[in-house]
Amino acid sequence: MLPHPLLKSHYATPEAKPEFVNRLFDAGAPHYDGITGWGFLGSGSAYRRWVQRRHGLKPGMHLLDVACGTGLMAIEGMRILGTADNITCLDPSEGMMAEARKKLPAKFVVGYADRLPFADASFDFLTMGYALRHVADLAVTLREYHRVLRSGGRVLILEVTKPTSPLGNFFFWLYFGKIFPGLTRLFTRSRAAHDMMYYYWETMDASVPPDSVLAAMRAAGFAVVKRVHVLGLFSEYVALKA
């Protein structure tokens, strides 16, 4: 199950997508934190910490942060856990992980969400922040999440979701499709950073609807599957391994 239709202006086959995405994020990684900081009005850190605590992350748990990027989710997880000793960060982009390594002493693993290099029942809590659109296959990825969680473990996936109303969709396109990439290029003077954020828009615009994500979570074996919709824009997908 593809998270969005093929974006043929970037890659012609699903197999070519990972290489394209890795190149894109490797090149844009040095600018990522600054871009997301001002792009979301400085609210990202507090929200990431709040949402992980609200959905059950507690000291003593073993946390896996998939598609960790520059470590923004894992850092807030560390603040809740009180240590990075129980945190594993996984990402296919060496460039993004190089930025994350500067911030926290977690365990870092290069890898992909749809083939996690971990034993069954290894973690109590699994997070993924704004990256579900970038996986190769939603169904396979979610089955892997279910596999590596312990009984009673929770998964928390954050995403930006396109509004359904015409007016909301217009402003979504205006900000994420035009203003955000344009200001990124202006502030960073980096074509790579601009291209990374424009690709964010393309994948958000083309992404499968929330009902499809929820159905895929249930099909993967998760229980108590739900979506919390925040400010008409953000989706928190949460589920339990029974």
Protein backbone atom coordinates (compact mmCIF):
# COMPACT_ATOMS: atom_id res chain seq x y z
CA MET A 1 0.00 0.00 0.00
CA LEU A 2 1.66 3.22 -1.16
CA PRO A 3 1.42 6.23 1.17
CA HIS A 4 0.80 8.37 -1.90
CA PRO A 5 0.78 7.87 -5.67
CA LEU A 6 4.13 7.88 -7.46
CA LEU A 7 5.51 11.38 -7.95
CA LYS A 8 6.88 10.69 -11.40
CA SER A 9 8.63 14.03 -11.70
CA HIS A 10 11.02 12.69 -9.04
CA TYR A 11 11.06 8.88 -9.45
CA ALA A 12 9.45 6.51 -11.91
CA THR A 13 9.10 3.43 -9.72
CA PRO A 14 8.52 2.70 -6.02
CA GLU A 15 11.97 1.11 -5.89
CA ALA A 16 13.60 4.41 -6.90
CA LYS A 17 11.90 6.43 -4.17
CA PRO A 18 14.22 5.63 -1.22
CA GLU A 19 17.35 6.76 -3.05
CA PHE A 20 15.71 10.01 -4.11
CA VAL A 21 14.40 10.75 -0.60
CA ASN A 22 17.77 9.99 1.00
CA ARG A 23 19.62 12.33 -1.37
CA LEU A 24 17.05 15.04 -0.72
CA PHE A 25 17.29 14.81 3.07
CA ASP A 26 21.05 14.35 3.17
CA ALA A 27 21.44 17.62 1.28
CA GLY A 28 18.86 19.55 3.28
CA ALA A 29 19.74 18.21 6.74
CA PRO A 30 21.90 21.16 7.95
CA HIS A 31 18.95 23.51 7.45
CA TYR A 32 16.15 21.30 8.73
CA ASP A 33 15.92 22.41 12.36
CA GLY A 34 15.93 26.10 11.53
CA ILE A 35 13.29 25.67 8.85
CA THR A 36 10.88 23.69 11.00
CA GLY A 37 11.51 26.00 13.95
CA TRP A 38 10.27 29.17 12.30
CA GLY A 39 7.91 27.34 9.96
CA PHE A 40 5.82 26.12 12.89
CA LEU A 41 6.26 29.28 14.96
CA GLY A 42 8.55 27.66 17.50
CA SER A 43 5.82 25.37 18.83
CA GLY A 44 7.25 22.05 17.67
CA SER A 45 9.36 21.10 20.68
CA ALA A 46 6.66 21.67 23.27
CA TYR A 47 4.08 19.86 21.14
CA ARG A 48 6.30 16.82 20.56
CA ARG A 49 6.99 16.49 24.27
CA TRP A 50 3.35 17.05 25.24
CA VAL A 51 1.95 14.55 22.75
CA GLN A 52 4.38 11.77 23.72
CA ARG A 53 3.61 12.23 27.41
CA ARG A 54 -0.13 12.46 26.74
CA HIS A 55 -0.15 9.17 24.85
CA GLY A 56 1.71 7.25 27.51
CA LEU A 57 5.50 7.57 27.25
CA LYS A 58 6.91 7.15 30.77
CA PRO A 59 10.31 6.78 32.45
CA GLY A 60 11.67 3.24 32.21
CA MET A 61 10.23 2.54 28.77
CA HIS A 62 12.33 1.57 25.75
CA LEU A 63 11.61 3.99 22.92
CA LEU A 64 12.13 3.50 19.19
CA ASP A 65 11.97 6.65 17.08
CA VAL A 66 11.59 5.66 13.43
CA ALA A 67 12.63 8.16 10.75
CA CYS A 68 14.23 10.14 13.55
CA GLY A 69 15.56 12.81 11.21
CA THR A 70 17.52 15.39 13.19
CA GLY A 71 16.26 13.95 16.47
CA LEU A 72 13.43 16.35 17.25
CA MET A 73 11.03 13.66 18.52
CA ALA A 74 13.75 11.72 20.34
CA ILE A 75 15.01 14.79 22.21
CA GLU A 76 11.57 15.37 23.70
CA GLY A 77 11.30 11.66 24.47
CA MET A 78 14.62 11.91 26.32
CA ARG A 79 13.25 14.74 28.44
CA ILE A 80 10.31 12.56 29.45
CA LEU A 81 12.39 9.44 30.09
CA GLY A 82 15.14 11.35 31.87
CA THR A 83 17.82 9.56 29.86
CA ALA A 84 18.76 8.57 26.32
CA ASP A 85 19.94 5.13 27.40
CA ASN A 86 16.63 3.52 26.42
CA ILE A 87 16.21 5.39 23.11
CA THR A 88 16.97 3.94 19.68
CA CYS A 89 16.83 6.26 16.66
CA LEU A 90 16.50 4.85 13.16
CA ASP A 91 16.72 6.70 9.86
CA PRO A 92 17.95 5.91 6.34
CA SER A 93 19.53 9.37 5.91
CA GLU A 94 23.10 9.64 7.21
CA GLY A 95 22.90 13.41 6.84
CA MET A 96 19.86 13.73 9.10
CA MET A 97 21.30 11.36 11.70
CA ALA A 98 24.57 13.29 11.75
CA GLU A 99 22.58 16.29 12.97
CA ALA A 100 20.72 14.16 15.54
CA ARG A 101 23.94 12.72 16.96
CA LYS A 102 25.02 16.23 17.96
CA LYS A 103 22.03 16.53 20.29
CA LEU A 104 21.54 13.30 22.22
CA PRO A 105 23.55 10.19 23.14
CA ALA A 106 20.98 7.67 21.92
CA LYS A 107 21.66 4.51 19.92
CA PHE A 108 21.58 5.32 16.19
CA VAL A 109 20.83 2.76 13.50
CA VAL A 110 20.72 3.26 9.73
CA GLY A 111 17.66 1.52 8.38
CA TYR A 112 14.21 1.64 6.84
CA ALA A 113 10.78 1.57 8.46
CA ASP A 114 9.55 -1.32 6.35
CA ARG A 115 12.41 -3.64 7.37
CA LEU A 116 13.34 -2.82 10.94
CA PRO A 117 16.63 -4.46 12.03
CA PHE A 118 15.34 -5.36 15.50
CA ALA A 119 14.10 -8.51 17.20
CA ASP A 120 10.43 -9.08 17.94
CA ALA A 121 9.04 -7.40 21.06
CA SER A 122 12.02 -5.08 21.58
CA PHE A 123 10.32 -1.79 22.48
CA ASP A 124 7.57 -0.37 24.70
CA PHE A 125 6.84 2.76 22.67
CA LEU A 126 7.37 3.64 18.99
CA THR A 127 7.21 7.12 17.51
CA MET A 128 7.33 8.53 14.01
CA GLY A 129 7.20 12.27 13.45
CA TYR A 130 5.94 13.58 10.11
CA ALA A 131 7.51 10.88 7.98
CA LEU A 132 4.85 8.26 7.27
CA ARG A 133 4.49 9.70 3.77
CA HIS A 134 8.08 8.76 3.01
CA VAL A 135 7.90 5.01 3.64
CA ALA A 136 7.85 2.55 0.75
CA ASP A 137 4.77 0.59 1.86
CA LEU A 138 2.30 1.55 4.59
CA ALA A 139 1.01 -1.96 5.25
CA VAL A 140 4.45 -3.53 5.53
CA THR A 141 5.74 -0.66 7.69
CA LEU A 142 2.87 -0.91 10.16
CA ARG A 143 3.28 -4.68 10.42
CA GLU A 144 6.91 -4.09 11.29
CA TYR A 145 5.89 -1.59 13.97
CA HIS A 146 3.55 -4.16 15.45
CA ARG A 147 6.25 -6.85 15.37
CA VAL A 148 8.92 -4.91 17.28
CA LEU A 149 6.57 -3.65 20.01
CA ARG A 150 6.07 -5.61 23.20
CA SER A 151 2.62 -6.65 24.34
CA GLY A 152 0.92 -3.52 25.62
CA GLY A 153 3.29 -1.33 23.62
CA ARG A 154 2.06 1.80 21.90
CA VAL A 155 2.68 3.42 18.54
CA LEU A 156 2.37 7.17 17.99
CA ILE A 157 2.58 8.60 14.47
CA LEU A 158 2.38 12.33 13.87
CA GLU A 159 1.42 13.74 10.47
CA VAL A 160 0.29 16.94 8.81
CA THR A 161 -3.03 16.24 7.08
CA LYS A 162 -4.54 18.17 4.21
CA PRO A 163 -7.85 19.86 5.18
CA THR A 164 -10.99 18.58 3.51
CA SER A 165 -12.73 21.93 3.03
CA PRO A 166 -11.99 23.92 -0.15
CA LEU A 167 -11.05 27.02 1.84
CA GLY A 168 -8.82 25.09 4.22
CA ASN A 169 -7.22 23.28 1.31
CA PHE A 170 -6.50 26.60 -0.42
CA PHE A 171 -4.65 28.01 2.59
CA PHE A 172 -2.87 24.69 3.06
CA TRP A 173 -1.58 24.92 -0.53
CA LEU A 174 -0.73 28.61 -0.16
CA TYR A 175 1.39 28.12 2.95
CA PHE A 176 3.00 24.72 2.45
CA GLY A 177 3.15 24.80 -1.34
CA LYS A 178 4.22 28.42 -1.87
CA ILE A 179 5.10 30.47 1.20
CA PHE A 180 7.02 27.86 3.20
CA PRO A 181 9.32 26.69 0.36
CA GLY A 182 9.79 30.26 -0.84
CA LEU A 183 10.83 31.57 2.56
CA THR A 184 13.06 28.54 3.02
CA ARG A 185 14.98 29.46 -0.13
CA LEU A 186 15.11 33.11 0.90
CA PHE A 187 16.40 32.49 4.43
CA THR A 188 18.78 29.59 3.74
CA ARG A 189 19.98 30.47 0.24
CA SER A 190 19.87 26.74 -0.33
CA ARG A 191 18.21 25.10 -3.30
CA ALA A 192 18.46 21.75 -1.52
CA ALA A 193 16.52 23.08 1.49
CA HIS A 194 13.87 24.57 -0.82
CA ASP A 195 13.49 21.30 -2.72
CA MET A 196 13.18 19.35 0.54
CA MET A 197 10.34 21.53 1.80
CA TYR A 198 8.56 21.59 -1.56
CA TYR A 199 8.71 17.80 -1.59
CA TYR A 200 7.10 17.91 1.87
CA TRP A 201 4.21 19.78 0.30
CA GLU A 202 3.93 17.38 -2.63
CA THR A 203 3.72 14.34 -0.39
CA MET A 204 1.25 15.96 2.02
CA ASP A 205 -0.95 16.98 -0.89
CA ALA A 206 -0.92 13.49 -2.42
CA SER A 207 -1.04 11.44 0.78
CA VAL A 208 -3.71 8.81 1.37
CA PRO A 209 -6.58 9.98 3.62
CA PRO A 210 -6.58 9.34 7.38
CA ASP A 211 -9.16 6.54 7.11
CA SER A 212 -6.71 4.57 4.99
CA VAL A 213 -3.97 4.94 7.60
CA LEU A 214 -6.33 3.81 10.37
CA ALA A 215 -7.46 0.81 8.32
CA ALA A 216 -3.85 -0.17 7.67
CA MET A 217 -3.08 0.03 11.40
CA ARG A 218 -5.98 -2.28 12.20
CA ALA A 219 -4.95 -4.67 9.45
CA ALA A 220 -1.43 -4.78 10.92
CA GLY A 221 -2.90 -6.15 14.15
CA PHE A 222 -3.12 -3.04 16.30
CA ALA A 223 -5.98 -2.51 18.76
CA VAL A 224 -7.59 0.67 20.15
CA VAL A 225 -6.67 2.45 16.93
CA LYS A 226 -7.61 6.12 16.82
CA ARG A 227 -6.78 9.43 15.24
CA VAL A 228 -6.67 12.66 17.23
CA HIS A 229 -7.22 15.66 14.95
CA VAL A 230 -5.51 18.84 16.19
CA LEU A 231 -6.24 22.36 14.89
CA GLY A 232 -7.71 20.92 11.70
CA LEU A 233 -4.20 20.24 10.42
CA PHE A 234 -2.28 17.75 12.56
CA SER A 235 -3.06 14.06 12.95
CA GLU A 236 -1.99 11.90 15.87
CA TYR A 237 -2.38 8.24 14.96
CA VAL A 238 -2.27 6.11 18.11
CA ALA A 239 -2.67 2.38 18.68
CA LEU A 240 -1.91 -0.42 21.12
CA LYS A 241 -0.36 -3.83 20.63
CA ALA A 242 -2.81 -5.95 22.60
